């Protein structure tokens, strides 16, 4: 019997064949992207990494991910936000769920949440760094199975 991780990491193509979910991880911290890559690949996901919003966006356009994991603060404190808006404006990537990683609370004493910030940020979930492997995999599985009509495209959703 398959574990729940195997069930969620597998998607099906038009022919009904299993394919592995593709995830792009965008963070300027090389240790974070390495942790994300190792954790996700261990569960069978295909992972691409980038270390800034511009490279991440370009790679995502060709990689065609099933999910995006995106840091808030990279070359500046709002790069992740701008990158999220850019993804949502791209017709091919607009329905890809976005998990926003943040350490902004450590820098500015501000906690992001879907309840108060989902109204203006077009992401599907927030997580404070550091994230545990267990939490990462749970959030990944949930977002990969999120119905398309529940994707927070315009930043108007309060709670998922």
N, C-alpha and C. Protein backbone atom coordinates (compact mmCIF):
# COMPACT_ATOMS: atom_id res chain seq x y z
N UNK A 1 0.84 -1.18 0.00
CA UNK A 1 0.00 0.00 0.00
C UNK A 1 0.88 1.25 0.00
N UNK A 2 0.50 2.26 -0.76
CA UNK A 2 1.28 3.50 -0.86
C UNK A 2 1.10 4.33 0.39
N UNK A 3 2.16 5.05 0.75
CA UNK A 3 2.04 5.99 1.86
C UNK A 3 1.33 7.24 1.36
N UNK A 4 0.85 8.06 2.30
CA UNK A 4 0.17 9.30 1.88
C UNK A 4 1.12 10.22 1.13
N UNK A 5 2.42 10.19 1.46
CA UNK A 5 3.38 11.02 0.73
C UNK A 5 3.48 10.61 -0.72
N UNK A 6 3.46 9.33 -1.00
CA UNK A 6 3.54 8.87 -2.39
C UNK A 6 2.28 9.25 -3.15
N UNK A 7 1.14 9.17 -2.50
CA UNK A 7 -0.11 9.53 -3.16
C UNK A 7 -0.08 10.98 -3.58
N UNK A 8 0.34 11.87 -2.68
CA UNK A 8 0.32 13.29 -2.98
C UNK A 8 1.45 13.71 -3.90
N UNK A 9 2.56 13.00 -3.92
CA UNK A 9 3.65 13.41 -4.79
C UNK A 9 3.42 12.96 -6.22
N UNK A 10 2.45 12.08 -6.44
CA UNK A 10 2.14 11.63 -7.78
C UNK A 10 0.96 12.39 -8.35
N UNK A 11 1.10 12.85 -9.57
CA UNK A 11 0.01 13.44 -10.32
C UNK A 11 -0.20 12.53 -11.52
N UNK A 12 -1.27 12.76 -12.27
CA UNK A 12 -1.49 11.95 -13.47
C UNK A 12 -1.54 12.84 -14.70
N UNK A 13 -0.94 12.33 -15.79
CA UNK A 13 -1.01 13.07 -17.04
C UNK A 13 -2.32 12.75 -17.75
N UNK A 14 -2.51 13.29 -18.93
CA UNK A 14 -3.76 13.10 -19.67
C UNK A 14 -4.04 11.63 -19.97
N UNK A 15 -3.00 10.81 -20.03
CA UNK A 15 -3.17 9.38 -20.31
C UNK A 15 -3.42 8.58 -19.03
N UNK A 16 -3.47 9.25 -17.88
CA UNK A 16 -3.69 8.56 -16.62
C UNK A 16 -2.44 7.94 -16.03
N UNK A 17 -1.28 8.30 -16.57
CA UNK A 17 -0.02 7.78 -16.07
C UNK A 17 0.47 8.64 -14.91
N UNK A 18 1.06 7.99 -13.90
CA UNK A 18 1.60 8.74 -12.76
C UNK A 18 2.83 9.54 -13.18
N UNK A 19 2.86 10.77 -12.74
CA UNK A 19 4.04 11.62 -12.92
C UNK A 19 4.31 12.29 -11.58
N UNK A 20 5.54 12.62 -11.32
CA UNK A 20 5.90 13.24 -10.05
C UNK A 20 5.66 14.75 -10.12
N UNK A 21 5.19 15.30 -9.02
CA UNK A 21 4.95 16.74 -8.95
C UNK A 21 6.28 17.48 -9.05
N UNK A 22 6.24 18.64 -9.71
CA UNK A 22 7.42 19.48 -9.89
C UNK A 22 7.28 20.72 -9.02
N UNK A 23 8.33 21.01 -8.24
CA UNK A 23 8.30 22.13 -7.31
C UNK A 23 9.54 22.99 -7.52
N UNK A 24 9.33 24.30 -7.59
CA UNK A 24 10.47 25.21 -7.64
C UNK A 24 10.58 25.92 -6.29
N UNK A 25 11.80 25.98 -5.78
CA UNK A 25 12.10 26.61 -4.49
C UNK A 25 12.96 27.83 -4.75
N UNK A 26 12.47 29.00 -4.35
CA UNK A 26 13.17 30.25 -4.62
C UNK A 26 13.51 30.92 -3.28
N UNK A 27 14.79 30.95 -2.97
CA UNK A 27 15.26 31.54 -1.72
C UNK A 27 16.72 31.92 -1.91
N UNK A 28 17.13 33.05 -1.39
CA UNK A 28 18.52 33.49 -1.53
C UNK A 28 19.47 32.77 -0.58
N UNK A 29 18.95 32.05 0.38
CA UNK A 29 19.77 31.30 1.34
C UNK A 29 20.03 29.90 0.78
N UNK A 30 21.28 29.64 0.41
CA UNK A 30 21.63 28.35 -0.19
C UNK A 30 21.35 27.17 0.74
N UNK A 31 21.50 27.38 2.04
CA UNK A 31 21.19 26.31 2.99
C UNK A 31 19.70 25.97 2.98
N UNK A 32 18.87 26.98 2.86
CA UNK A 32 17.42 26.76 2.82
C UNK A 32 17.03 26.01 1.55
N UNK A 33 17.53 26.45 0.39
CA UNK A 33 17.16 25.75 -0.85
C UNK A 33 17.68 24.32 -0.85
N UNK A 34 18.84 24.09 -0.26
CA UNK A 34 19.37 22.73 -0.17
C UNK A 34 18.50 21.86 0.74
N UNK A 35 18.08 22.39 1.88
CA UNK A 35 17.18 21.68 2.78
C UNK A 35 15.87 21.33 2.07
N UNK A 36 15.28 22.33 1.39
CA UNK A 36 14.03 22.11 0.67
C UNK A 36 14.20 21.03 -0.40
N UNK A 37 15.27 21.16 -1.19
CA UNK A 37 15.53 20.20 -2.28
C UNK A 37 15.67 18.79 -1.73
N UNK A 38 16.51 18.60 -0.72
CA UNK A 38 16.76 17.26 -0.16
C UNK A 38 15.48 16.67 0.42
N UNK A 39 14.74 17.47 1.18
CA UNK A 39 13.50 16.99 1.81
C UNK A 39 12.46 16.59 0.77
N UNK A 40 12.28 17.44 -0.22
CA UNK A 40 11.25 17.17 -1.24
C UNK A 40 11.66 16.03 -2.18
N UNK A 41 12.92 16.00 -2.59
CA UNK A 41 13.37 14.91 -3.46
C UNK A 41 13.30 13.57 -2.75
N UNK A 42 13.51 13.54 -1.44
CA UNK A 42 13.42 12.28 -0.68
C UNK A 42 12.01 11.70 -0.74
N UNK A 43 11.02 12.55 -0.97
CA UNK A 43 9.63 12.08 -1.09
C UNK A 43 9.22 11.92 -2.55
N UNK A 44 10.15 12.06 -3.47
CA UNK A 44 9.86 11.78 -4.87
C UNK A 44 9.50 12.97 -5.73
N UNK A 45 9.54 14.17 -5.17
CA UNK A 45 9.23 15.35 -5.97
C UNK A 45 10.42 15.71 -6.85
N UNK A 46 10.13 16.28 -8.01
CA UNK A 46 11.17 16.82 -8.88
C UNK A 46 11.34 18.29 -8.48
N UNK A 47 12.57 18.68 -8.15
CA UNK A 47 12.80 20.01 -7.57
C UNK A 47 13.80 20.80 -8.40
N UNK A 48 13.47 22.08 -8.59
CA UNK A 48 14.36 23.06 -9.21
C UNK A 48 14.55 24.16 -8.17
N UNK A 49 15.73 24.77 -8.15
CA UNK A 49 15.97 25.85 -7.19
C UNK A 49 16.46 27.10 -7.91
N UNK A 50 16.23 28.23 -7.25
CA UNK A 50 16.74 29.52 -7.73
C UNK A 50 17.01 30.37 -6.49
N UNK A 51 17.86 31.37 -6.66
CA UNK A 51 18.29 32.15 -5.50
C UNK A 51 17.90 33.62 -5.53
N UNK A 52 17.04 33.98 -6.47
CA UNK A 52 16.43 35.31 -6.47
C UNK A 52 15.15 35.25 -7.29
N UNK A 53 14.33 36.25 -7.13
CA UNK A 53 13.02 36.25 -7.79
C UNK A 53 13.09 36.22 -9.30
N UNK A 54 14.00 36.98 -9.88
CA UNK A 54 14.11 37.04 -11.34
C UNK A 54 14.51 35.69 -11.93
N UNK A 55 15.55 35.07 -11.37
CA UNK A 55 15.97 33.75 -11.86
C UNK A 55 14.88 32.71 -11.61
N UNK A 56 14.24 32.80 -10.44
CA UNK A 56 13.16 31.86 -10.11
C UNK A 56 12.01 31.96 -11.08
N UNK A 57 11.65 33.18 -11.44
CA UNK A 57 10.56 33.39 -12.40
C UNK A 57 10.93 32.80 -13.76
N UNK A 58 12.14 33.10 -14.23
CA UNK A 58 12.59 32.58 -15.52
C UNK A 58 12.63 31.05 -15.53
N UNK A 59 13.18 30.46 -14.46
CA UNK A 59 13.24 29.00 -14.38
C UNK A 59 11.83 28.40 -14.33
N UNK A 60 10.93 29.03 -13.58
CA UNK A 60 9.56 28.53 -13.47
C UNK A 60 8.85 28.56 -14.83
N UNK A 61 9.13 29.56 -15.63
CA UNK A 61 8.51 29.65 -16.96
C UNK A 61 8.86 28.45 -17.83
N UNK A 62 10.08 27.94 -17.70
CA UNK A 62 10.47 26.77 -18.50
C UNK A 62 10.23 25.45 -17.77
N UNK A 63 10.35 25.43 -16.46
CA UNK A 63 10.20 24.22 -15.64
C UNK A 63 8.74 23.81 -15.50
N UNK A 64 7.83 24.76 -15.55
CA UNK A 64 6.38 24.52 -15.40
C UNK A 64 6.06 23.75 -14.12
N UNK A 65 6.32 24.38 -12.95
CA UNK A 65 6.12 23.67 -11.69
C UNK A 65 4.65 23.46 -11.34
N UNK A 66 4.42 22.49 -10.47
CA UNK A 66 3.09 22.24 -9.92
C UNK A 66 2.90 23.02 -8.62
N UNK A 67 4.02 23.54 -8.08
CA UNK A 67 3.99 24.32 -6.85
C UNK A 67 5.23 25.21 -6.78
N UNK A 68 5.07 26.36 -6.12
CA UNK A 68 6.17 27.31 -5.94
C UNK A 68 6.37 27.53 -4.45
N UNK A 69 7.60 27.42 -4.00
CA UNK A 69 7.96 27.79 -2.63
C UNK A 69 8.84 29.03 -2.77
N UNK A 70 8.42 30.13 -2.13
CA UNK A 70 9.00 31.44 -2.40
C UNK A 70 9.32 32.18 -1.10
N UNK A 71 10.56 32.62 -0.98
CA UNK A 71 10.99 33.43 0.16
C UNK A 71 10.47 34.86 0.00
N UNK A 72 10.22 35.53 1.11
CA UNK A 72 9.79 36.93 1.06
C UNK A 72 10.98 37.85 0.80
N UNK A 73 11.97 37.80 1.70
CA UNK A 73 13.08 38.74 1.64
C UNK A 73 14.28 38.09 0.96
N UNK A 74 14.64 38.64 -0.20
CA UNK A 74 15.83 38.17 -0.90
C UNK A 74 16.75 39.37 -1.10
N UNK A 75 16.88 39.89 -2.32
CA UNK A 75 17.77 41.03 -2.52
C UNK A 75 17.23 42.30 -1.86
N UNK A 76 15.91 42.32 -1.61
CA UNK A 76 15.31 43.41 -0.83
C UNK A 76 14.16 42.82 -0.02
N UNK A 77 13.57 43.58 0.87
CA UNK A 77 12.58 43.04 1.80
C UNK A 77 11.25 42.67 1.15
N UNK A 78 11.02 43.07 -0.09
CA UNK A 78 9.74 42.78 -0.72
C UNK A 78 9.87 41.98 -2.03
N UNK A 79 11.05 41.49 -2.35
CA UNK A 79 11.25 40.78 -3.62
C UNK A 79 10.29 39.61 -3.80
N UNK A 80 10.07 38.85 -2.74
CA UNK A 80 9.16 37.71 -2.83
C UNK A 80 7.73 38.13 -3.15
N UNK A 81 7.29 39.24 -2.57
CA UNK A 81 5.94 39.73 -2.86
C UNK A 81 5.80 40.09 -4.33
N UNK A 82 6.79 40.82 -4.84
CA UNK A 82 6.75 41.23 -6.24
C UNK A 82 6.79 40.02 -7.17
N UNK A 83 7.57 39.03 -6.80
CA UNK A 83 7.66 37.82 -7.60
C UNK A 83 6.33 37.06 -7.59
N UNK A 84 5.67 37.00 -6.44
CA UNK A 84 4.37 36.34 -6.35
C UNK A 84 3.36 37.02 -7.28
N UNK A 85 3.32 38.35 -7.27
CA UNK A 85 2.42 39.07 -8.17
C UNK A 85 2.75 38.77 -9.63
N UNK A 86 4.02 38.67 -9.94
CA UNK A 86 4.45 38.37 -11.31
C UNK A 86 3.96 36.97 -11.74
N UNK A 87 4.08 36.00 -10.84
CA UNK A 87 3.58 34.65 -11.14
C UNK A 87 2.08 34.69 -11.41
N UNK A 88 1.35 35.44 -10.61
CA UNK A 88 -0.11 35.48 -10.76
C UNK A 88 -0.55 36.18 -12.05
N UNK A 89 0.31 37.02 -12.61
CA UNK A 89 -0.02 37.69 -13.87
C UNK A 89 0.32 36.85 -15.09
N UNK A 90 1.09 35.78 -14.89
CA UNK A 90 1.49 34.90 -15.98
C UNK A 90 0.41 33.83 -16.16
N UNK A 91 -0.21 33.82 -17.32
CA UNK A 91 -1.33 32.92 -17.58
C UNK A 91 -0.98 31.45 -17.33
N UNK A 92 0.23 31.04 -17.68
CA UNK A 92 0.63 29.64 -17.51
C UNK A 92 0.95 29.29 -16.06
N UNK A 93 1.27 30.28 -15.23
CA UNK A 93 1.67 30.01 -13.85
C UNK A 93 0.67 30.53 -12.82
N UNK A 94 -0.37 31.20 -13.24
CA UNK A 94 -1.28 31.86 -12.31
C UNK A 94 -2.00 30.90 -11.36
N UNK A 95 -2.22 29.68 -11.78
CA UNK A 95 -2.94 28.71 -10.94
C UNK A 95 -2.01 27.75 -10.19
N UNK A 96 -0.73 28.08 -10.15
CA UNK A 96 0.22 27.25 -9.41
C UNK A 96 0.21 27.72 -7.95
N UNK A 97 -0.06 26.82 -7.00
CA UNK A 97 -0.08 27.25 -5.59
C UNK A 97 1.29 27.74 -5.14
N UNK A 98 1.26 28.77 -4.29
CA UNK A 98 2.50 29.37 -3.76
C UNK A 98 2.52 29.26 -2.24
N UNK A 99 3.61 28.68 -1.74
CA UNK A 99 3.89 28.65 -0.31
C UNK A 99 4.94 29.72 -0.05
N UNK A 100 4.61 30.71 0.75
CA UNK A 100 5.52 31.81 1.04
C UNK A 100 6.29 31.51 2.32
N UNK A 101 7.63 31.47 2.20
CA UNK A 101 8.51 31.30 3.36
C UNK A 101 8.89 32.68 3.86
N UNK A 102 8.93 32.84 5.16
CA UNK A 102 9.30 34.14 5.68
C UNK A 102 10.09 34.05 6.98
N UNK A 103 11.01 34.95 7.12
CA UNK A 103 11.68 35.16 8.40
C UNK A 103 11.50 36.63 8.78
N UNK A 104 10.49 37.23 8.16
CA UNK A 104 10.25 38.66 8.36
C UNK A 104 9.91 38.98 9.81
N UNK A 105 9.32 38.02 10.52
CA UNK A 105 9.03 38.24 11.94
C UNK A 105 10.31 38.45 12.74
N UNK A 106 11.34 37.70 12.37
CA UNK A 106 12.63 37.85 13.05
C UNK A 106 13.25 39.22 12.77
N UNK A 107 13.03 39.74 11.57
CA UNK A 107 13.62 41.03 11.17
C UNK A 107 12.80 42.23 11.61
N UNK A 108 11.46 42.11 11.48
CA UNK A 108 10.59 43.27 11.69
C UNK A 108 9.48 43.05 12.69
N UNK A 109 9.46 41.90 13.36
CA UNK A 109 8.43 41.57 14.34
C UNK A 109 7.03 41.66 13.73
N UNK A 110 6.85 41.01 12.58
CA UNK A 110 5.56 40.98 11.90
C UNK A 110 5.26 39.54 11.50
N UNK A 111 4.13 39.02 11.92
CA UNK A 111 3.73 37.66 11.57
C UNK A 111 2.74 37.68 10.42
N UNK A 112 3.07 36.99 9.34
CA UNK A 112 2.15 36.86 8.23
C UNK A 112 1.19 35.72 8.49
N UNK A 113 -0.03 35.87 8.02
CA UNK A 113 -1.01 34.79 8.09
C UNK A 113 -2.02 34.99 6.98
N UNK A 114 -2.65 33.90 6.58
CA UNK A 114 -3.67 34.01 5.54
C UNK A 114 -4.87 34.80 6.06
N UNK A 115 -5.14 34.71 7.35
CA UNK A 115 -6.29 35.40 7.92
C UNK A 115 -6.21 36.91 7.72
N UNK A 116 -5.03 37.49 7.92
CA UNK A 116 -4.94 38.95 7.80
C UNK A 116 -4.22 39.41 6.54
N UNK A 117 -3.40 38.57 5.92
CA UNK A 117 -2.61 39.01 4.79
C UNK A 117 -3.04 38.39 3.46
N UNK A 118 -3.90 37.38 3.51
CA UNK A 118 -4.38 36.75 2.29
C UNK A 118 -5.22 37.68 1.45
N UNK A 119 -5.67 38.78 2.07
CA UNK A 119 -6.47 39.75 1.33
C UNK A 119 -5.66 40.53 0.31
N UNK A 120 -4.37 40.71 0.55
CA UNK A 120 -3.60 41.53 -0.39
C UNK A 120 -2.41 40.80 -1.00
N UNK A 121 -2.08 39.62 -0.52
CA UNK A 121 -0.97 38.85 -1.08
C UNK A 121 -1.49 37.62 -1.80
N UNK A 122 -1.14 37.45 -3.06
CA UNK A 122 -1.67 36.33 -3.84
C UNK A 122 -0.89 35.04 -3.62
N UNK A 123 -0.83 34.59 -2.37
CA UNK A 123 -0.17 33.32 -2.05
C UNK A 123 -1.18 32.43 -1.34
N UNK A 124 -0.86 31.15 -1.24
CA UNK A 124 -1.82 30.19 -0.70
C UNK A 124 -1.54 29.76 0.73
N UNK A 125 -0.34 30.01 1.20
CA UNK A 125 -0.03 29.73 2.60
C UNK A 125 1.28 30.43 2.95
N UNK A 126 1.47 30.68 4.24
CA UNK A 126 2.69 31.27 4.78
C UNK A 126 3.29 30.29 5.77
N UNK A 127 4.60 30.30 5.88
CA UNK A 127 5.27 29.54 6.92
C UNK A 127 6.49 30.33 7.37
N UNK A 128 6.67 30.37 8.68
CA UNK A 128 7.82 31.05 9.28
C UNK A 128 9.03 30.13 9.24
N UNK A 129 10.19 30.67 8.85
CA UNK A 129 11.43 29.90 8.90
C UNK A 129 11.92 29.86 10.34
N UNK A 130 12.60 28.85 10.74
CA UNK A 130 12.86 27.63 9.98
C UNK A 130 11.61 26.72 9.98
N UNK A 131 11.46 25.95 8.93
CA UNK A 131 10.34 25.03 8.81
C UNK A 131 10.87 23.60 9.00
N UNK A 132 10.10 22.78 9.67
CA UNK A 132 10.50 21.39 9.86
C UNK A 132 10.17 20.59 8.59
N UNK A 133 10.84 19.49 8.42
CA UNK A 133 10.57 18.60 7.27
C UNK A 133 9.12 18.17 7.28
N UNK A 134 8.62 17.80 8.45
CA UNK A 134 7.23 17.34 8.57
C UNK A 134 6.25 18.42 8.12
N UNK A 135 6.43 19.64 8.62
CA UNK A 135 5.54 20.73 8.27
C UNK A 135 5.63 21.06 6.78
N UNK A 136 6.85 21.06 6.24
CA UNK A 136 7.05 21.32 4.82
C UNK A 136 6.28 20.31 3.98
N UNK A 137 6.41 19.04 4.31
CA UNK A 137 5.74 17.99 3.53
C UNK A 137 4.22 18.06 3.68
N UNK A 138 3.73 18.36 4.87
CA UNK A 138 2.28 18.49 5.06
C UNK A 138 1.72 19.64 4.23
N UNK A 139 2.39 20.79 4.28
CA UNK A 139 1.92 21.95 3.51
C UNK A 139 2.03 21.69 2.01
N UNK A 140 3.10 21.03 1.60
CA UNK A 140 3.29 20.70 0.19
C UNK A 140 2.16 19.80 -0.30
N UNK A 141 1.87 18.77 0.45
CA UNK A 141 0.80 17.83 0.06
C UNK A 141 -0.55 18.53 -0.02
N UNK A 142 -0.83 19.40 0.96
CA UNK A 142 -2.11 20.11 0.95
C UNK A 142 -2.21 21.05 -0.24
N UNK A 143 -1.15 21.79 -0.51
CA UNK A 143 -1.20 22.75 -1.62
C UNK A 143 -1.25 22.06 -2.98
N UNK A 144 -0.58 20.92 -3.11
CA UNK A 144 -0.62 20.21 -4.39
C UNK A 144 -2.01 19.64 -4.69
N UNK A 145 -2.82 19.46 -3.68
CA UNK A 145 -4.17 18.94 -3.89
C UNK A 145 -5.23 20.03 -3.77
N UNK A 146 -4.81 21.28 -3.63
CA UNK A 146 -5.73 22.40 -3.53
C UNK A 146 -6.49 22.56 -4.85
N UNK A 147 -7.82 22.56 -4.80
CA UNK A 147 -8.58 22.76 -6.05
C UNK A 147 -8.25 24.09 -6.70
N UNK A 148 -8.21 24.11 -8.02
CA UNK A 148 -7.83 25.32 -8.76
C UNK A 148 -8.68 26.53 -8.37
N UNK A 149 -9.97 26.30 -8.09
CA UNK A 149 -10.83 27.43 -7.73
C UNK A 149 -10.51 28.01 -6.35
N UNK A 150 -9.67 27.33 -5.58
CA UNK A 150 -9.27 27.84 -4.27
C UNK A 150 -7.89 28.50 -4.28
N UNK A 151 -7.22 28.52 -5.43
CA UNK A 151 -5.92 29.17 -5.53
C UNK A 151 -6.13 30.68 -5.34
N UNK A 152 -5.32 31.30 -4.51
CA UNK A 152 -5.45 32.72 -4.18
C UNK A 152 -4.78 33.58 -5.26
N UNK A 153 -5.41 33.69 -6.40
CA UNK A 153 -4.83 34.37 -7.55
C UNK A 153 -4.73 35.88 -7.37
N UNK A 154 -5.75 36.49 -6.83
CA UNK A 154 -5.79 37.95 -6.77
C UNK A 154 -5.52 38.52 -5.41
N UNK A 155 -5.15 37.69 -4.45
CA UNK A 155 -4.88 38.20 -3.12
C UNK A 155 -6.15 38.64 -2.42
N UNK A 156 -7.23 37.89 -2.61
CA UNK A 156 -8.50 38.27 -1.99
C UNK A 156 -8.99 37.23 -0.98
N UNK A 157 -8.27 36.16 -0.83
CA UNK A 157 -8.71 35.11 0.05
C UNK A 157 -8.19 35.34 1.47
N UNK A 158 -9.07 35.26 2.45
CA UNK A 158 -8.67 35.46 3.84
C UNK A 158 -8.18 34.18 4.48
N UNK A 159 -8.86 33.09 4.29
CA UNK A 159 -8.51 31.84 4.95
C UNK A 159 -8.64 30.69 3.97
N UNK A 160 -7.65 29.77 4.01
CA UNK A 160 -7.77 28.58 3.18
C UNK A 160 -8.21 27.42 4.01
